[in-house]
Amino acid sequence: MKCDNCGKEQTWLEMLGPNFYCHRCIQKHKLLGLVFRTNTEAFRKIIKKLKPKNYAEYMALERKQIEQVINLRKYDIKLKTTNVIEL
């Protein structure tokens, strides 16, 4: 099957809305790409609850929306924050 975003032929595609996308296109979102690489079960739960209608809406998802849906620490996904100070 072909990815609807880049058009490359892939054997495994993920479904976002009515279209199919390859792993490379999914991993372009910084946070959800990390979740996808770490735990696909958590990624699918996020997508199922947020229900993005297309790729543009998927790329517009923010960290606050994702953290409201699922607790990422439960899946051992550690995110870098901007307010960490090392002494």
C-alpha atoms as a PDB file:
ATOM      1  CA  MET A   1       0.000   0.000   0.000  1.00  0.00           C
ATOM      2  CA  LYS A   2       1.082   3.586  -0.543  1.00  0.00           C
ATOM      3  CA  CYS A   3       1.420   6.312   2.045  1.00  0.00           C
ATOM      4  CA  ASP A   4      -1.060   9.113   1.377  1.00  0.00           C
ATOM      5  CA  ASN A   5       1.451  11.762   2.463  1.00  0.00           C
ATOM      6  CA  CYS A   6       4.749  10.861   0.780  1.00  0.00           C
ATOM      7  CA  GLY A   7       3.500   8.280  -1.740  1.00  0.00           C
ATOM      8  CA  LYS A   8       6.090   5.615  -0.901  1.00  0.00           C
ATOM      9  CA  GLU A   9       5.173   1.953  -0.956  1.00  0.00           C
ATOM     10  CA  GLN A  10       5.169   0.417   2.556  1.00  0.00           C
ATOM     11  CA  THR A  11       3.958  -2.879   3.983  1.00  0.00           C
ATOM     12  CA  TRP A  12       2.759  -1.440   7.323  1.00  0.00           C
ATOM     13  CA  LEU A  13       0.784   1.780   7.469  1.00  0.00           C
ATOM     14  CA  GLU A  14      -1.021   3.558  10.295  1.00  0.00           C
ATOM     15  CA  MET A  15      -4.498   4.957   9.819  1.00  0.00           C
ATOM     16  CA  LEU A  16      -5.230   8.588  10.714  1.00  0.00           C
ATOM     17  CA  GLY A  17      -8.763   9.516   9.813  1.00  0.00           C
ATOM     18  CA  PRO A  18      -9.663   8.011   6.426  1.00  0.00           C
ATOM     19  CA  ASN A  19      -6.053   7.944   5.135  1.00  0.00           C
ATOM     20  CA  PHE A  20      -3.000   5.727   5.658  1.00  0.00           C
ATOM     21  CA  TYR A  21       0.465   7.023   6.607  1.00  0.00           C
ATOM     22  CA  CYS A  22       3.892   5.397   6.813  1.00  0.00           C
ATOM     23  CA  HIS A  23       6.064   5.302   9.922  1.00  0.00           C
ATOM     24  CA  ARG A  24       8.374   8.046   8.638  1.00  0.00           C
ATOM     25  CA  CYS A  25       5.512  10.494   8.162  1.00  0.00           C
ATOM     26  CA  ILE A  26       4.094   9.666  11.595  1.00  0.00           C
ATOM     27  CA  GLN A  27       7.461  10.210  13.261  1.00  0.00           C
ATOM     28  CA  LYS A  28       7.726  13.754  11.880  1.00  0.00           C
ATOM     29  CA  HIS A  29       5.616  14.922  14.848  1.00  0.00           C
ATOM     30  CA  LYS A  30       8.200  15.366  17.569  1.00  0.00           C
ATOM     31  CA  LEU A  31       6.227  14.155  20.594  1.00  0.00           C
ATOM     32  CA  LEU A  32       3.966  11.576  18.970  1.00  0.00           C
ATOM     33  CA  GLY A  33       6.929  10.238  17.001  1.00  0.00           C
ATOM     34  CA  LEU A  34       8.677   9.533  20.311  1.00  0.00           C
ATOM     35  CA  VAL A  35       5.544   7.870  21.683  1.00  0.00           C
ATOM     36  CA  PHE A  36       5.215   5.795  18.490  1.00  0.00           C
ATOM     37  CA  ARG A  37       8.821   4.583  18.690  1.00  0.00           C
ATOM     38  CA  THR A  38       8.593   3.845  22.424  1.00  0.00           C
ATOM     39  CA  ASN A  39       5.151   2.286  22.798  1.00  0.00           C
ATOM     40  CA  THR A  40       2.774   1.748  19.877  1.00  0.00           C
ATOM     41  CA  GLU A  41      -0.052   0.765  22.224  1.00  0.00           C
ATOM     42  CA  ALA A  42       0.060   4.204  23.885  1.00  0.00           C
ATOM     43  CA  PHE A  43       0.256   5.867  20.455  1.00  0.00           C
ATOM     44  CA  ARG A  44      -2.870   4.064  19.266  1.00  0.00           C
ATOM     45  CA  LYS A  45      -4.738   5.010  22.461  1.00  0.00           C
ATOM     46  CA  ILE A  46      -3.874   8.676  21.899  1.00  0.00           C
ATOM     47  CA  ILE A  47      -5.012   8.561  18.273  1.00  0.00           C
ATOM     48  CA  LYS A  48      -8.198   6.725  19.223  1.00  0.00           C
ATOM     49  CA  LYS A  49      -9.134   9.328  21.851  1.00  0.00           C
ATOM     50  CA  LEU A  50      -8.094  12.496  19.981  1.00  0.00           C
ATOM     51  CA  LYS A  51      -9.383  11.343  16.565  1.00  0.00           C
ATOM     52  CA  PRO A  52      -7.424  13.581  14.169  1.00  0.00           C
ATOM     53  CA  LYS A  53      -9.317  13.877  10.875  1.00  0.00           C
ATOM     54  CA  ASN A  54      -6.274  14.337   8.644  1.00  0.00           C
ATOM     55  CA  TYR A  55      -2.491  14.697   8.662  1.00  0.00           C
ATOM     56  CA  ALA A  56      -2.547  18.482   9.187  1.00  0.00           C
ATOM     57  CA  GLU A  57      -4.705  18.095  12.286  1.00  0.00           C
ATOM     58  CA  TYR A  58      -2.374  15.336  13.529  1.00  0.00           C
ATOM     59  CA  MET A  59       0.660  17.604  13.138  1.00  0.00           C
ATOM     60  CA  ALA A  60      -1.152  20.404  15.007  1.00  0.00           C
ATOM     61  CA  LEU A  61      -1.612  18.319  18.183  1.00  0.00           C
ATOM     62  CA  GLU A  62       0.115  19.883  21.179  1.00  0.00           C
ATOM     63  CA  ARG A  63       1.673  18.461  24.303  1.00  0.00           C
ATOM     64  CA  LYS A  64      -1.153  19.707  26.548  1.00  0.00           C
ATOM     65  CA  GLN A  65      -3.759  17.844  24.511  1.00  0.00           C
ATOM     66  CA  ILE A  66      -1.738  14.638  24.595  1.00  0.00           C
ATOM     67  CA  GLU A  67      -1.085  14.812  28.339  1.00  0.00           C
ATOM     68  CA  GLN A  68      -4.796  15.353  29.043  1.00  0.00           C
ATOM     69  CA  VAL A  69      -5.628  12.123  27.253  1.00  0.00           C
ATOM     70  CA  ILE A  70      -2.947   9.788  28.629  1.00  0.00           C
ATOM     71  CA  ASN A  71      -0.316   9.675  31.359  1.00  0.00           C
ATOM     72  CA  LEU A  72       2.970   9.199  29.504  1.00  0.00           C
ATOM     73  CA  ARG A  73       4.936   8.396  32.666  1.00  0.00           C
ATOM     74  CA  LYS A  74       2.820   5.269  33.059  1.00  0.00           C
ATOM     75  CA  TYR A  75       4.394   3.986  29.835  1.00  0.00           C
ATOM     76  CA  ASP A  76       7.947   5.078  30.872  1.00  0.00           C
ATOM     77  CA  ILE A  77       8.047   7.873  28.292  1.00  0.00           C
ATOM     78  CA  LYS A  78      10.164  10.696  29.655  1.00  0.00           C
ATOM     79  CA  LEU A  79       9.909  14.094  28.014  1.00  0.00           C
ATOM     80  CA  LYS A  80      12.429  16.888  28.175  1.00  0.00           C
ATOM     81  CA  THR A  81      11.106  20.066  29.723  1.00  0.00           C
ATOM     82  CA  THR A  82      12.381  23.579  29.208  1.00  0.00           C
ATOM     83  CA  ASN A  83      12.472  24.513  32.881  1.00  0.00           C
ATOM     84  CA  VAL A  84      15.074  21.969  34.073  1.00  0.00           C
ATOM     85  CA  ILE A  85      18.160  23.509  35.645  1.00  0.00           C
ATOM     86  CA  GLU A  86      21.280  21.447  36.235  1.00  0.00           C
ATOM     87  CA  LEU A  87      23.554  22.495  39.089  1.00  0.00           C
END
